């Protein structure tokens, strides 16, 4: 299965556990795909050259436009100069939403360090 974003260990482990389960959970697979869309969106939305919603939509042509528009509306704020910004407040909301989805995929039992690395590349004390 091709995912739009595969650059972290948590995604690989979650995908492997869903596929290797005795019964394939289509719901968890859909949520995992949405998490991949969210991670790809964050990678594009936080770049300095993507200052408007249209440039984000063009950069994410492989993601359904309805999902990109939903993420833009939920996690971007209008700036003073007319552009959009991914602020610290919207980043917190984004990370919280991502954590809730990841916990759902993992059955509310997860590796804290892997989730922290997937969400914000934060280090968790041992």
PDB file of N, CA and C in Angstrom:
ATOM      1  N   UNK A   1       0.847  -1.184   0.000  1.00  0.00           N
ATOM      2  CA  UNK A   1       0.000   0.000   0.000  1.00  0.00           C
ATOM      3  C   UNK A   1       0.881   1.233   0.000  1.00  0.00           C
ATOM      4  N   UNK A   2       0.621   2.132  -0.896  1.00  0.00           N
ATOM      5  CA  UNK A   2       1.385   3.364  -0.972  1.00  0.00           C
ATOM      6  C   UNK A   2       0.749   4.418  -0.087  1.00  0.00           C
ATOM      7  N   UNK A   3       1.558   4.979   0.773  1.00  0.00           N
ATOM      8  CA  UNK A   3       1.089   6.024   1.669  1.00  0.00           C
ATOM      9  C   UNK A   3       1.779   7.326   1.290  1.00  0.00           C
ATOM     10  N   UNK A   4       1.118   8.463   1.482  1.00  0.00           N
ATOM     11  CA  UNK A   4       1.718   9.739   1.096  1.00  0.00           C
ATOM     12  C   UNK A   4       2.872  10.163   1.998  1.00  0.00           C
ATOM     13  N   UNK A   5       2.988   9.564   3.148  1.00  0.00           N
ATOM     14  CA  UNK A   5       4.046   9.918   4.087  1.00  0.00           C
ATOM     15  C   UNK A   5       4.446   8.658   4.833  1.00  0.00           C
ATOM     16  N   UNK A   6       5.711   8.277   4.745  1.00  0.00           N
ATOM     17  CA  UNK A   6       6.156   7.051   5.418  1.00  0.00           C
ATOM     18  C   UNK A   6       7.470   7.251   6.146  1.00  0.00           C
ATOM     19  N   UNK A   7       7.758   8.455   6.543  1.00  0.00           N
ATOM     20  CA  UNK A   7       9.081   8.754   7.064  1.00  0.00           C
ATOM     21  C   UNK A   7       9.218   8.635   8.575  1.00  0.00           C
ATOM     22  N   UNK A   8       8.484   7.742   9.191  1.00  0.00           N
ATOM     23  CA  UNK A   8       8.756   7.518  10.606  1.00  0.00           C
ATOM     24  C   UNK A   8       8.413   6.088  11.008  1.00  0.00           C
ATOM     25  N   UNK A   9       9.027   5.673  12.097  1.00  0.00           N
ATOM     26  CA  UNK A   9       8.927   4.281  12.535  1.00  0.00           C
ATOM     27  C   UNK A   9       7.533   3.926  13.036  1.00  0.00           C
ATOM     28  N   UNK A  10       6.845   4.879  13.667  1.00  0.00           N
ATOM     29  CA  UNK A  10       5.511   4.562  14.181  1.00  0.00           C
ATOM     30  C   UNK A  10       4.572   4.157  13.059  1.00  0.00           C
ATOM     31  N   UNK A  11       4.610   4.875  11.935  1.00  0.00           N
ATOM     32  CA  UNK A  11       3.744   4.537  10.802  1.00  0.00           C
ATOM     33  C   UNK A  11       4.044   3.143  10.269  1.00  0.00           C
ATOM     34  N   UNK A  12       5.309   2.819  10.139  1.00  0.00           N
ATOM     35  CA  UNK A  12       5.689   1.500   9.647  1.00  0.00           C
ATOM     36  C   UNK A  12       5.195   0.397  10.586  1.00  0.00           C
ATOM     37  N   UNK A  13       5.387   0.599  11.893  1.00  0.00           N
ATOM     38  CA  UNK A  13       4.943  -0.400  12.869  1.00  0.00           C
ATOM     39  C   UNK A  13       3.426  -0.532  12.891  1.00  0.00           C
ATOM     40  N   UNK A  14       2.722   0.598  12.823  1.00  0.00           N
ATOM     41  CA  UNK A  14       1.255   0.558  12.842  1.00  0.00           C
ATOM     42  C   UNK A  14       0.717  -0.140  11.597  1.00  0.00           C
ATOM     43  N   UNK A  15       1.291   0.172  10.454  1.00  0.00           N
ATOM     44  CA  UNK A  15       0.843  -0.470   9.215  1.00  0.00           C
ATOM     45  C   UNK A  15       1.109  -1.972   9.263  1.00  0.00           C
ATOM     46  N   UNK A  16       2.272  -2.345   9.748  1.00  0.00           N
ATOM     47  CA  UNK A  16       2.613  -3.765   9.852  1.00  0.00           C
ATOM     48  C   UNK A  16       1.663  -4.487  10.798  1.00  0.00           C
ATOM     49  N   UNK A  17       1.348  -3.878  11.934  1.00  0.00           N
ATOM     50  CA  UNK A  17       0.462  -4.544  12.891  1.00  0.00           C
ATOM     51  C   UNK A  17      -0.969  -4.651  12.365  1.00  0.00           C
ATOM     52  N   UNK A  18      -1.417  -3.685  11.593  1.00  0.00           N
ATOM     53  CA  UNK A  18      -2.766  -3.752  11.018  1.00  0.00           C
ATOM     54  C   UNK A  18      -2.836  -4.847   9.960  1.00  0.00           C
ATOM     55  N   UNK A  19      -1.820  -4.919   9.116  1.00  0.00           N
ATOM     56  CA  UNK A  19      -1.824  -5.899   8.027  1.00  0.00           C
ATOM     57  C   UNK A  19      -1.626  -7.320   8.554  1.00  0.00           C
ATOM     58  N   UNK A  20      -0.794  -7.484   9.573  1.00  0.00           N
ATOM     59  CA  UNK A  20      -0.506  -8.818  10.101  1.00  0.00           C
ATOM     60  C   UNK A  20      -1.540  -9.314  11.105  1.00  0.00           C
ATOM     61  N   UNK A  21      -2.521  -8.485  11.444  1.00  0.00           N
ATOM     62  CA  UNK A  21      -3.560  -8.908  12.389  1.00  0.00           C
ATOM     63  C   UNK A  21      -4.398 -10.025  11.774  1.00  0.00           C
ATOM     64  N   UNK A  22      -4.967 -10.906  12.611  1.00  0.00           N
ATOM     65  CA  UNK A  22      -5.788 -11.999  12.080  1.00  0.00           C
ATOM     66  C   UNK A  22      -6.966 -11.499  11.229  1.00  0.00           C
ATOM     67  N   UNK A  23      -7.527 -10.365  11.629  1.00  0.00           N
ATOM     68  CA  UNK A  23      -8.628  -9.783  10.862  1.00  0.00           C
ATOM     69  C   UNK A  23      -8.242  -8.350  10.511  1.00  0.00           C
ATOM     70  N   UNK A  24      -8.271  -8.030   9.228  1.00  0.00           N
ATOM     71  CA  UNK A  24      -7.898  -6.700   8.768  1.00  0.00           C
ATOM     72  C   UNK A  24      -8.944  -5.688   9.210  1.00  0.00           C
ATOM     73  N   UNK A  25      -8.509  -4.662   9.914  1.00  0.00           N
ATOM     74  CA  UNK A  25      -9.399  -3.598  10.375  1.00  0.00           C
ATOM     75  C   UNK A  25      -9.368  -2.459   9.363  1.00  0.00           C
ATOM     76  N   UNK A  26     -10.419  -2.369   8.568  1.00  0.00           N
ATOM     77  CA  UNK A  26     -10.477  -1.307   7.562  1.00  0.00           C
ATOM     78  C   UNK A  26     -10.581   0.068   8.202  1.00  0.00           C
ATOM     79  N   UNK A  27     -11.242   0.144   9.347  1.00  0.00           N
ATOM     80  CA  UNK A  27     -11.360   1.432  10.036  1.00  0.00           C
ATOM     81  C   UNK A  27      -9.987   1.943  10.477  1.00  0.00           C
ATOM     82  N   UNK A  28      -9.188   1.067  11.082  1.00  0.00           N
ATOM     83  CA  UNK A  28      -7.851   1.483  11.521  1.00  0.00           C
ATOM     84  C   UNK A  28      -6.966   1.820  10.324  1.00  0.00           C
ATOM     85  N   UNK A  29      -7.147   1.112   9.236  1.00  0.00           N
ATOM     86  CA  UNK A  29      -6.380   1.400   8.034  1.00  0.00           C
ATOM     87  C   UNK A  29      -6.739   2.779   7.473  1.00  0.00           C
ATOM     88  N   UNK A  30      -8.015   3.129   7.515  1.00  0.00           N
ATOM     89  CA  UNK A  30      -8.453   4.454   7.058  1.00  0.00           C
ATOM     90  C   UNK A  30      -7.913   5.552   7.966  1.00  0.00           C
ATOM     91  N   UNK A  31      -7.923   5.319   9.262  1.00  0.00           N
ATOM     92  CA  UNK A  31      -7.388   6.306  10.199  1.00  0.00           C
ATOM     93  C   UNK A  31      -5.887   6.467   9.990  1.00  0.00           C
ATOM     94  N   UNK A  32      -5.190   5.368   9.752  1.00  0.00           N
ATOM     95  CA  UNK A  32      -3.757   5.432   9.497  1.00  0.00           C
ATOM     96  C   UNK A  32      -3.464   6.221   8.225  1.00  0.00           C
ATOM     97  N   UNK A  33      -4.268   6.018   7.217  1.00  0.00           N
ATOM     98  CA  UNK A  33      -4.095   6.773   5.974  1.00  0.00           C
ATOM     99  C   UNK A  33      -4.337   8.264   6.216  1.00  0.00           C
ATOM    100  N   UNK A  34      -5.326   8.606   7.031  1.00  0.00           N
ATOM    101  CA  UNK A  34      -5.596   9.998   7.367  1.00  0.00           C
ATOM    102  C   UNK A  34      -4.425  10.595   8.142  1.00  0.00           C
ATOM    103  N   UNK A  35      -3.822   9.824   9.053  1.00  0.00           N
ATOM    104  CA  UNK A  35      -2.639  10.298   9.782  1.00  0.00           C
ATOM    105  C   UNK A  35      -1.509  10.593   8.802  1.00  0.00           C
ATOM    106  N   UNK A  36      -1.339   9.743   7.806  1.00  0.00           N
ATOM    107  CA  UNK A  36      -0.315   9.977   6.784  1.00  0.00           C
ATOM    108  C   UNK A  36      -0.596  11.266   6.017  1.00  0.00           C
ATOM    109  N   UNK A  37      -1.868  11.492   5.688  1.00  0.00           N
ATOM    110  CA  UNK A  37      -2.247  12.741   5.021  1.00  0.00           C
ATOM    111  C   UNK A  37      -1.925  13.946   5.909  1.00  0.00           C
ATOM    112  N   UNK A  38      -2.199  13.812   7.198  1.00  0.00           N
ATOM    113  CA  UNK A  38      -1.922  14.910   8.119  1.00  0.00           C
ATOM    114  C   UNK A  38      -0.418  15.203   8.213  1.00  0.00           C
ATOM    115  N   UNK A  39       0.389  14.163   8.271  1.00  0.00           N
ATOM    116  CA  UNK A  39       1.840  14.366   8.339  1.00  0.00           C
ATOM    117  C   UNK A  39       2.382  14.986   7.061  1.00  0.00           C
ATOM    118  N   UNK A  40       1.867  14.556   5.921  1.00  0.00           N
ATOM    119  CA  UNK A  40       2.278  15.152   4.649  1.00  0.00           C
ATOM    120  C   UNK A  40       1.838  16.608   4.594  1.00  0.00           C
ATOM    121  N   UNK A  41       0.626  16.892   5.069  1.00  0.00           N
ATOM    122  CA  UNK A  41       0.123  18.267   5.084  1.00  0.00           C
ATOM    123  C   UNK A  41       1.007  19.152   5.967  1.00  0.00           C
ATOM    124  N   UNK A  42       1.382  18.649   7.157  1.00  0.00           N
ATOM    125  CA  UNK A  42       2.218  19.457   8.050  1.00  0.00           C
ATOM    126  C   UNK A  42       3.568  19.766   7.426  1.00  0.00           C
ATOM    127  N   UNK A  43       4.126  18.779   6.731  1.00  0.00           N
ATOM    128  CA  UNK A  43       5.418  19.000   6.082  1.00  0.00           C
ATOM    129  C   UNK A  43       5.327  20.146   5.069  1.00  0.00           C
ATOM    130  N   UNK A  44       4.232  20.207   4.328  1.00  0.00           N
ATOM    131  CA  UNK A  44       4.057  21.247   3.313  1.00  0.00           C
ATOM    132  C   UNK A  44       3.629  22.572   3.944  1.00  0.00           C
ATOM    133  N   UNK A  45       2.714  22.538   4.894  1.00  0.00           N
ATOM    134  CA  UNK A  45       2.150  23.760   5.470  1.00  0.00           C
ATOM    135  C   UNK A  45       3.160  24.557   6.285  1.00  0.00           C
ATOM    136  N   UNK A  46       4.179  23.905   6.814  1.00  0.00           N
ATOM    137  CA  UNK A  46       5.156  24.619   7.636  1.00  0.00           C
ATOM    138  C   UNK A  46       6.305  25.210   6.828  1.00  0.00           C
ATOM    139  N   UNK A  47       6.332  24.954   5.525  1.00  0.00           N
ATOM    140  CA  UNK A  47       7.380  25.545   4.689  1.00  0.00           C
ATOM    141  C   UNK A  47       7.094  27.026   4.482  1.00  0.00           C
ATOM    142  N   UNK A  48       8.145  27.821   4.463  1.00  0.00           N
ATOM    143  CA  UNK A  48       8.004  29.272   4.335  1.00  0.00           C
ATOM    144  C   UNK A  48       7.409  29.699   2.998  1.00  0.00           C
ATOM    145  N   UNK A  49       7.679  28.943   1.930  1.00  0.00           N
ATOM    146  CA  UNK A  49       7.188  29.350   0.613  1.00  0.00           C
ATOM    147  C   UNK A  49       5.691  29.082   0.416  1.00  0.00           C
ATOM    148  N   UNK A  50       5.089  28.294   1.287  1.00  0.00           N
ATOM    149  CA  UNK A  50       3.661  27.999   1.182  1.00  0.00           C
ATOM    150  C   UNK A  50       2.891  28.949   2.107  1.00  0.00           C
ATOM    151  N   UNK A  51       2.602  30.133   1.593  1.00  0.00           N
ATOM    152  CA  UNK A  51       1.959  31.165   2.404  1.00  0.00           C
ATOM    153  C   UNK A  51       0.469  31.308   2.129  1.00  0.00           C
ATOM    154  N   UNK A  52      -0.075  30.536   1.205  1.00  0.00           N
ATOM    155  CA  UNK A  52      -1.517  30.607   0.972  1.00  0.00           C
ATOM    156  C   UNK A  52      -2.075  29.204   0.783  1.00  0.00           C
ATOM    157  N   UNK A  53      -3.374  29.096   0.892  1.00  0.00           N
ATOM    158  CA  UNK A  53      -4.039  27.798   0.834  1.00  0.00           C
ATOM    159  C   UNK A  53      -3.891  27.138  -0.539  1.00  0.00           C
ATOM    160  N   UNK A  54      -3.864  27.944  -1.598  1.00  0.00           N
ATOM    161  CA  UNK A  54      -3.753  27.391  -2.954  1.00  0.00           C
ATOM    162  C   UNK A  54      -2.404  26.710  -3.169  1.00  0.00           C
ATOM    163  N   UNK A  55      -1.324  27.285  -2.652  1.00  0.00           N
ATOM    164  CA  UNK A  55      -0.005  26.668  -2.832  1.00  0.00           C
ATOM    165  C   UNK A  55       0.093  25.355  -2.058  1.00  0.00           C
ATOM    166  N   UNK A  56      -0.573  25.272  -0.929  1.00  0.00           N
ATOM    167  CA  UNK A  56      -0.592  24.020  -0.168  1.00  0.00           C
ATOM    168  C   UNK A  56      -1.374  22.960  -0.938  1.00  0.00           C
ATOM    169  N   UNK A  57      -2.487  23.370  -1.526  1.00  0.00           N
ATOM    170  CA  UNK A  57      -3.305  22.439  -2.307  1.00  0.00           C
ATOM    171  C   UNK A  57      -2.537  21.911  -3.518  1.00  0.00           C
ATOM    172  N   UNK A  58      -1.781  22.774  -4.178  1.00  0.00           N
ATOM    173  CA  UNK A  58      -0.985  22.361  -5.343  1.00  0.00           C
ATOM    174  C   UNK A  58       0.142  21.419  -4.913  1.00  0.00           C
ATOM    175  N   UNK A  59       0.787  21.719  -3.794  1.00  0.00           N
ATOM    176  CA  UNK A  59       1.901  20.887  -3.325  1.00  0.00           C
ATOM    177  C   UNK A  59       1.440  19.500  -2.897  1.00  0.00           C
ATOM    178  N   UNK A  60       0.187  19.376  -2.502  1.00  0.00           N
ATOM    179  CA  UNK A  60      -0.348  18.093  -2.051  1.00  0.00           C
ATOM    180  C   UNK A  60      -1.336  17.539  -3.066  1.00  0.00           C
ATOM    181  N   UNK A  61      -0.933  17.471  -4.312  1.00  0.00           N
ATOM    182  CA  UNK A  61      -1.836  17.002  -5.365  1.00  0.00           C
ATOM    183  C   UNK A  61      -2.216  15.534  -5.212  1.00  0.00           C
ATOM    184  N   UNK A  62      -1.412  14.746  -4.495  1.00  0.00           N
ATOM    185  CA  UNK A  62      -1.710  13.328  -4.293  1.00  0.00           C
ATOM    186  C   UNK A  62      -2.691  13.085  -3.142  1.00  0.00           C
ATOM    187  N   UNK A  63      -2.987  14.126  -2.372  1.00  0.00           N
ATOM    188  CA  UNK A  63      -3.945  14.034  -1.267  1.00  0.00           C
ATOM    189  C   UNK A  63      -5.280  14.583  -1.763  1.00  0.00           C
ATOM    190  N   UNK A  64      -6.390  13.927  -1.450  1.00  0.00           N
ATOM    191  CA  UNK A  64      -7.693  14.443  -1.888  1.00  0.00           C
ATOM    192  C   UNK A  64      -7.898  15.897  -1.440  1.00  0.00           C
ATOM    193  N   UNK A  65      -8.402  16.711  -2.356  1.00  0.00           N
ATOM    194  CA  UNK A  65      -8.537  18.143  -2.069  1.00  0.00           C
ATOM    195  C   UNK A  65      -9.477  18.417  -0.899  1.00  0.00           C
ATOM    196  N   UNK A  66     -10.491  17.582  -0.702  1.00  0.00           N
ATOM    197  CA  UNK A  66     -11.398  17.787   0.426  1.00  0.00           C
ATOM    198  C   UNK A  66     -10.655  17.655   1.757  1.00  0.00           C
ATOM    199  N   UNK A  67      -9.716  16.738   1.833  1.00  0.00           N
ATOM    200  CA  UNK A  67      -8.942  16.555   3.062  1.00  0.00           C
ATOM    201  C   UNK A  67      -8.000  17.730   3.273  1.00  0.00           C
ATOM    202  N   UNK A  68      -7.356  18.190   2.201  1.00  0.00           N
ATOM    203  CA  UNK A  68      -6.445  19.337   2.319  1.00  0.00           C
ATOM    204  C   UNK A  68      -7.215  20.572   2.772  1.00  0.00           C
ATOM    205  N   UNK A  69      -8.386  20.815   2.182  1.00  0.00           N
ATOM    206  CA  UNK A  69      -9.193  21.973   2.570  1.00  0.00           C
ATOM    207  C   UNK A  69      -9.641  21.869   4.024  1.00  0.00           C
ATOM    208  N   UNK A  70      -9.994  20.673   4.457  1.00  0.00           N
ATOM    209  CA  UNK A  70     -10.389  20.463   5.851  1.00  0.00           C
ATOM    210  C   UNK A  70      -9.223  20.763   6.793  1.00  0.00           C
ATOM    211  N   UNK A  71      -8.042  20.255   6.469  1.00  0.00           N
ATOM    212  CA  UNK A  71      -6.865  20.509   7.302  1.00  0.00           C
ATOM    213  C   UNK A  71      -6.486  21.980   7.288  1.00  0.00           C
ATOM    214  N   UNK A  72      -6.584  22.622   6.119  1.00  0.00           N
ATOM    215  CA  UNK A  72      -6.308  24.056   6.031  1.00  0.00           C
ATOM    216  C   UNK A  72      -7.260  24.843   6.927  1.00  0.00           C
ATOM    217  N   UNK A  73      -8.536  24.513   6.858  1.00  0.00           N
ATOM    218  CA  UNK A  73      -9.516  25.231   7.651  1.00  0.00           C
ATOM    219  C   UNK A  73      -9.372  25.001   9.147  1.00  0.00           C
ATOM    220  N   UNK A  74      -8.971  23.814   9.515  1.00  0.00           N
ATOM    221  CA  UNK A  74      -8.885  23.462  10.930  1.00  0.00           C
ATOM    222  C   UNK A  74      -7.585  23.924  11.577  1.00  0.00           C
ATOM    223  N   UNK A  75      -6.469  23.905  10.838  1.00  0.00           N
ATOM    224  CA  UNK A  75      -5.174  24.120  11.470  1.00  0.00           C
ATOM    225  C   UNK A  75      -4.380  25.309  10.948  1.00  0.00           C
ATOM    226  N   UNK A  76      -4.940  26.142  10.097  1.00  0.00           N
ATOM    227  CA  UNK A  76      -4.243  27.345   9.646  1.00  0.00           C
ATOM    228  C   UNK A  76      -4.997  28.574  10.120  1.00  0.00           C
ATOM    229  N   UNK A  77      -4.270  29.630  10.417  1.00  0.00           N
ATOM    230  CA  UNK A  77      -4.870  30.900  10.803  1.00  0.00           C
ATOM    231  C   UNK A  77      -4.513  31.949   9.764  1.00  0.00           C
ATOM    232  N   UNK A  78      -5.425  32.873   9.567  1.00  0.00           N
ATOM    233  CA  UNK A  78      -5.180  33.971   8.637  1.00  0.00           C
ATOM    234  C   UNK A  78      -4.183  34.942   9.259  1.00  0.00           C
ATOM    235  N   UNK A  79      -3.183  35.326   8.467  1.00  0.00           N
ATOM    236  CA  UNK A  79      -2.191  36.276   8.941  1.00  0.00           C
ATOM    237  C   UNK A  79      -2.608  37.698   8.656  1.00  0.00           C
ATOM    238  N   UNK A  80      -1.856  38.647   9.161  1.00  0.00           N
ATOM    239  CA  UNK A  80      -2.167  40.067   8.956  1.00  0.00           C
ATOM    240  C   UNK A  80      -1.951  40.498   7.518  1.00  0.00           C
ATOM    241  N   UNK A  81      -0.991  39.905   6.845  1.00  0.00           N
ATOM    242  CA  UNK A  81      -0.666  40.284   5.464  1.00  0.00           C
ATOM    243  C   UNK A  81      -1.525  39.538   4.451  1.00  0.00           C
ATOM    244  N   UNK A  82      -2.499  38.801   4.915  1.00  0.00           N
ATOM    245  CA  UNK A  82      -3.375  38.081   4.001  1.00  0.00           C
ATOM    246  C   UNK A  82      -2.990  36.634   3.777  1.00  0.00           C
ATOM    247  N   UNK A  83      -1.829  36.238   4.248  1.00  0.00           N
ATOM    248  CA  UNK A  83      -1.403  34.854   4.098  1.00  0.00           C
ATOM    249  C   UNK A  83      -1.947  33.992   5.224  1.00  0.00           C
ATOM    250  N   UNK A  84      -1.521  32.748   5.242  1.00  0.00           N
ATOM    251  CA  UNK A  84      -1.936  31.832   6.299  1.00  0.00           C
ATOM    252  C   UNK A  84      -0.711  31.415   7.104  1.00  0.00           C
ATOM    253  N   UNK A  85      -0.952  31.016   8.348  1.00  0.00           N
ATOM    254  CA  UNK A  85       0.156  30.647   9.223  1.00  0.00           C
ATOM    255  C   UNK A  85      -0.227  29.437  10.061  1.00  0.00           C
ATOM    256  N   UNK A  86       0.757  28.610  10.298  1.00  0.00           N
ATOM    257  CA  UNK A  86       0.632  27.458  11.188  1.00  0.00           C
ATOM    258  C   UNK A  86       1.258  27.902  12.503  1.00  0.00           C
ATOM    259  N   UNK A  87       0.449  28.416  13.420  1.00  0.00           N
ATOM    260  CA  UNK A  87       0.935  29.028  14.653  1.00  0.00           C
ATOM    261  C   UNK A  87       1.172  27.980  15.735  1.00  0.00           C
ATOM    262  N   UNK A  88       1.731  28.433  16.842  1.00  0.00           N
ATOM    263  CA  UNK A  88       1.974  27.499  17.950  1.00  0.00           C
ATOM    264  C   UNK A  88       0.657  26.970  18.517  1.00  0.00           C
ATOM    265  N   UNK A  89      -0.385  27.786  18.509  1.00  0.00           N
ATOM    266  CA  UNK A  89      -1.690  27.325  18.979  1.00  0.00           C
ATOM    267  C   UNK A  89      -2.295  26.271  18.075  1.00  0.00           C
ATOM    268  N   UNK A  90      -2.199  26.499  16.766  1.00  0.00           N
ATOM    269  CA  UNK A  90      -2.739  25.505  15.839  1.00  0.00           C
ATOM    270  C   UNK A  90      -1.855  24.266  15.809  1.00  0.00           C
ATOM    271  N   UNK A  91      -0.564  24.434  16.072  1.00  0.00           N
ATOM    272  CA  UNK A  91       0.321  23.275  16.139  1.00  0.00           C
ATOM    273  C   UNK A  91      -0.041  22.387  17.327  1.00  0.00           C
ATOM    274  N   UNK A  92      -0.373  23.011  18.448  1.00  0.00           N
ATOM    275  CA  UNK A  92      -0.803  22.248  19.619  1.00  0.00           C
ATOM    276  C   UNK A  92      -2.094  21.495  19.326  1.00  0.00           C
ATOM    277  N   UNK A  93      -3.040  22.161  18.676  1.00  0.00           N
ATOM    278  CA  UNK A  93      -4.294  21.506  18.301  1.00  0.00           C
ATOM    279  C   UNK A  93      -4.045  20.353  17.341  1.00  0.00           C
ATOM    280  N   UNK A  94      -3.150  20.581  16.370  1.00  0.00           N
ATOM    281  CA  UNK A  94      -2.789  19.553  15.392  1.00  0.00           C
ATOM    282  C   UNK A  94      -2.178  18.337  16.099  1.00  0.00           C
ATOM    283  N   UNK A  95      -1.225  18.579  16.994  1.00  0.00           N
ATOM    284  CA  UNK A  95      -0.555  17.478  17.699  1.00  0.00           C
ATOM    285  C   UNK A  95      -1.522  16.721  18.609  1.00  0.00           C
ATOM    286  N   UNK A  96      -2.457  17.426  19.213  1.00  0.00           N
ATOM    287  CA  UNK A  96      -3.451  16.772  20.061  1.00  0.00           C
ATOM    288  C   UNK A  96      -4.351  15.868  19.241  1.00  0.00           C
ATOM    289  N   UNK A  97      -4.791  16.372  18.100  1.00  0.00           N
ATOM    290  CA  UNK A  97      -5.638  15.579  17.209  1.00  0.00           C
ATOM    291  C   UNK A  97      -4.875  14.351  16.709  1.00  0.00           C
ATOM    292  N   UNK A  98      -3.627  14.554  16.345  1.00  0.00           N
ATOM    293  CA  UNK A  98      -2.784  13.465  15.869  1.00  0.00           C
ATOM    294  C   UNK A  98      -2.588  12.408  16.958  1.00  0.00           C
ATOM    295  N   UNK A  99      -2.360  12.839  18.188  1.00  0.00           N
ATOM    296  CA  UNK A  99      -2.187  11.907  19.292  1.00  0.00           C
ATOM    297  C   UNK A  99      -3.442  11.069  19.512  1.00  0.00           C
ATOM    298  N   UNK A 100      -4.600  11.696  19.461  1.00  0.00           N
ATOM    299  CA  UNK A 100      -5.850  10.960  19.640  1.00  0.00           C
ATOM    300  C   UNK A 100      -6.026   9.907  18.551  1.00  0.00           C
ATOM    301  N   UNK A 101      -5.713  10.251  17.320  1.00  0.00           N
ATOM    302  CA  UNK A 101      -5.830   9.288  16.220  1.00  0.00           C
ATOM    303  C   UNK A 101      -4.817   8.152  16.364  1.00  0.00           C
ATOM    304  N   UNK A 102      -3.600   8.483  16.771  1.00  0.00           N
ATOM    305  CA  UNK A 102      -2.578   7.453  16.946  1.00  0.00           C
ATOM    306  C   UNK A 102      -2.953   6.490  18.067  1.00  0.00           C
ATOM    307  N   UNK A 103      -3.486   7.029  19.147  1.00  0.00           N
ATOM    308  CA  UNK A 103      -3.918   6.158  20.239  1.00  0.00           C
ATOM    309  C   UNK A 103      -5.050   5.242  19.790  1.00  0.00           C
ATOM    310  N   UNK A 104      -5.944   5.745  18.967  1.00  0.00           N
ATOM    311  CA  UNK A 104      -7.038   4.920  18.440  1.00  0.00           C
ATOM    312  C   UNK A 104      -6.491   3.764  17.601  1.00  0.00           C
ATOM    313  N   UNK A 105      -5.521   4.060  16.743  1.00  0.00           N
ATOM    314  CA  UNK A 105      -4.929   3.015  15.895  1.00  0.00           C
ATOM    315  C   UNK A 105      -4.212   1.973  16.745  1.00  0.00           C
ATOM    316  N   UNK A 106      -3.529   2.417  17.795  1.00  0.00           N
ATOM    317  CA  UNK A 106      -2.768   1.508  18.646  1.00  0.00           C
ATOM    318  C   UNK A 106      -3.613   0.819  19.712  1.00  0.00           C
ATOM    319  N   UNK A 107      -4.898   1.047  19.719  1.00  0.00           N
ATOM    320  CA  UNK A 107      -5.738   0.430  20.742  1.00  0.00           C
ATOM    321  C   UNK A 107      -5.499   1.015  22.123  1.00  0.00           C
ATOM    322  N   UNK A 108      -5.100   2.282  22.183  1.00  0.00           N
ATOM    323  CA  UNK A 108      -4.849   3.019  23.421  1.00  0.00           C
ATOM    324  C   UNK A 108      -3.736   2.408  24.260  1.00  0.00           C
ATOM    325  N   UNK A 109      -2.848   1.657  23.607  1.00  0.00           N
ATOM    326  CA  UNK A 109      -1.634   1.140  24.235  1.00  0.00           C
ATOM    327  C   UNK A 109      -0.511   1.391  23.236  1.00  0.00           C
ATOM    328  N   UNK A 110       0.386   2.285  23.572  1.00  0.00           N
ATOM    329  CA  UNK A 110       1.375   2.672  22.581  1.00  0.00           C
ATOM    330  C   UNK A 110       2.740   2.920  23.212  1.00  0.00           C
ATOM    331  N   UNK A 111       3.741   2.992  22.368  1.00  0.00           N
ATOM    332  CA  UNK A 111       5.099   3.327  22.771  1.00  0.00           C
ATOM    333  C   UNK A 111       5.229   4.848  22.752  1.00  0.00           C
ATOM    334  N   UNK A 112       5.460   5.435  23.903  1.00  0.00           N
ATOM    335  CA  UNK A 112       5.469   6.889  24.038  1.00  0.00           C
ATOM    336  C   UNK A 112       6.559   7.526  23.182  1.00  0.00           C
ATOM    337  N   UNK A 113       7.734   6.933  23.165  1.00  0.00           N
ATOM    338  CA  UNK A 113       8.833   7.523  22.401  1.00  0.00           C
ATOM    339  C   UNK A 113       8.548   7.508  20.898  1.00  0.00           C
ATOM    340  N   UNK A 114       7.967   6.434  20.396  1.00  0.00           N
ATOM    341  CA  UNK A 114       7.657   6.355  18.969  1.00  0.00           C
ATOM    342  C   UNK A 114       6.596   7.374  18.588  1.00  0.00           C
ATOM    343  N   UNK A 115       5.586   7.542  19.425  1.00  0.00           N
ATOM    344  CA  UNK A 115       4.537   8.521  19.140  1.00  0.00           C
ATOM    345  C   UNK A 115       5.096   9.937  19.219  1.00  0.00           C
ATOM    346  N   UNK A 116       5.928  10.210  20.222  1.00  0.00           N
ATOM    347  CA  UNK A 116       6.526  11.542  20.346  1.00  0.00           C
ATOM    348  C   UNK A 116       7.392  11.871  19.142  1.00  0.00           C
ATOM    349  N   UNK A 117       8.142  10.905  18.678  1.00  0.00           N
ATOM    350  CA  UNK A 117       8.977  11.126  17.492  1.00  0.00           C
ATOM    351  C   UNK A 117       8.119  11.345  16.260  1.00  0.00           C
ATOM    352  N   UNK A 118       7.016  10.627  16.133  1.00  0.00           N
ATOM    353  CA  UNK A 118       6.140  10.771  14.967  1.00  0.00           C
ATOM    354  C   UNK A 118       5.408  12.096  14.979  1.00  0.00           C
ATOM    355  N   UNK A 119       4.990  12.555  16.144  1.00  0.00           N
ATOM    356  CA  UNK A 119       4.208  13.790  16.215  1.00  0.00           C
ATOM    357  C   UNK A 119       5.083  15.022  16.060  1.00  0.00           C
ATOM    358  N   UNK A 120       6.124  15.127  16.839  1.00  0.00           N
ATOM    359  CA  UNK A 120       6.858  16.378  16.788  1.00  0.00           C
ATOM    360  C   UNK A 120       8.352  16.240  16.893  1.00  0.00           C
ATOM    361  N   UNK A 121       8.863  15.055  16.704  1.00  0.00           N
ATOM    362  CA  UNK A 121      10.291  14.809  16.822  1.00  0.00           C
ATOM    363  C   UNK A 121      10.838  15.249  18.159  1.00  0.00           C
ATOM    364  N   UNK A 122      10.009  15.156  19.193  1.00  0.00           N
ATOM    365  CA  UNK A 122      10.412  15.511  20.538  1.00  0.00           C
ATOM    366  C   UNK A 122      11.100  14.332  21.207  1.00  0.00           C
ATOM    367  N   UNK A 123      11.999  14.630  22.092  1.00  0.00           N
ATOM    368  CA  UNK A 123      12.633  13.557  22.849  1.00  0.00           C
ATOM    369  C   UNK A 123      11.890  13.382  24.164  1.00  0.00           C
ATOM    370  N   UNK A 124      11.738  12.170  24.567  1.00  0.00           N
ATOM    371  CA  UNK A 124      11.046  11.849  25.810  1.00  0.00           C
ATOM    372  C   UNK A 124      12.080  11.317  26.784  1.00  0.00           C
ATOM    373  N   UNK A 125      12.123  11.862  28.010  1.00  0.00           N
ATOM    374  CA  UNK A 125      13.113  11.363  28.959  1.00  0.00           C
ATOM    375  C   UNK A 125      12.889   9.895  29.287  1.00  0.00           C
ATOM    376  N   UNK A 126      13.980   9.193  29.515  1.00  0.00           N
ATOM    377  CA  UNK A 126      13.932   7.768  29.836  1.00  0.00           C
ATOM    378  C   UNK A 126      13.483   7.546  31.258  1.00  0.00           C
TER     379      UNK A 126
END
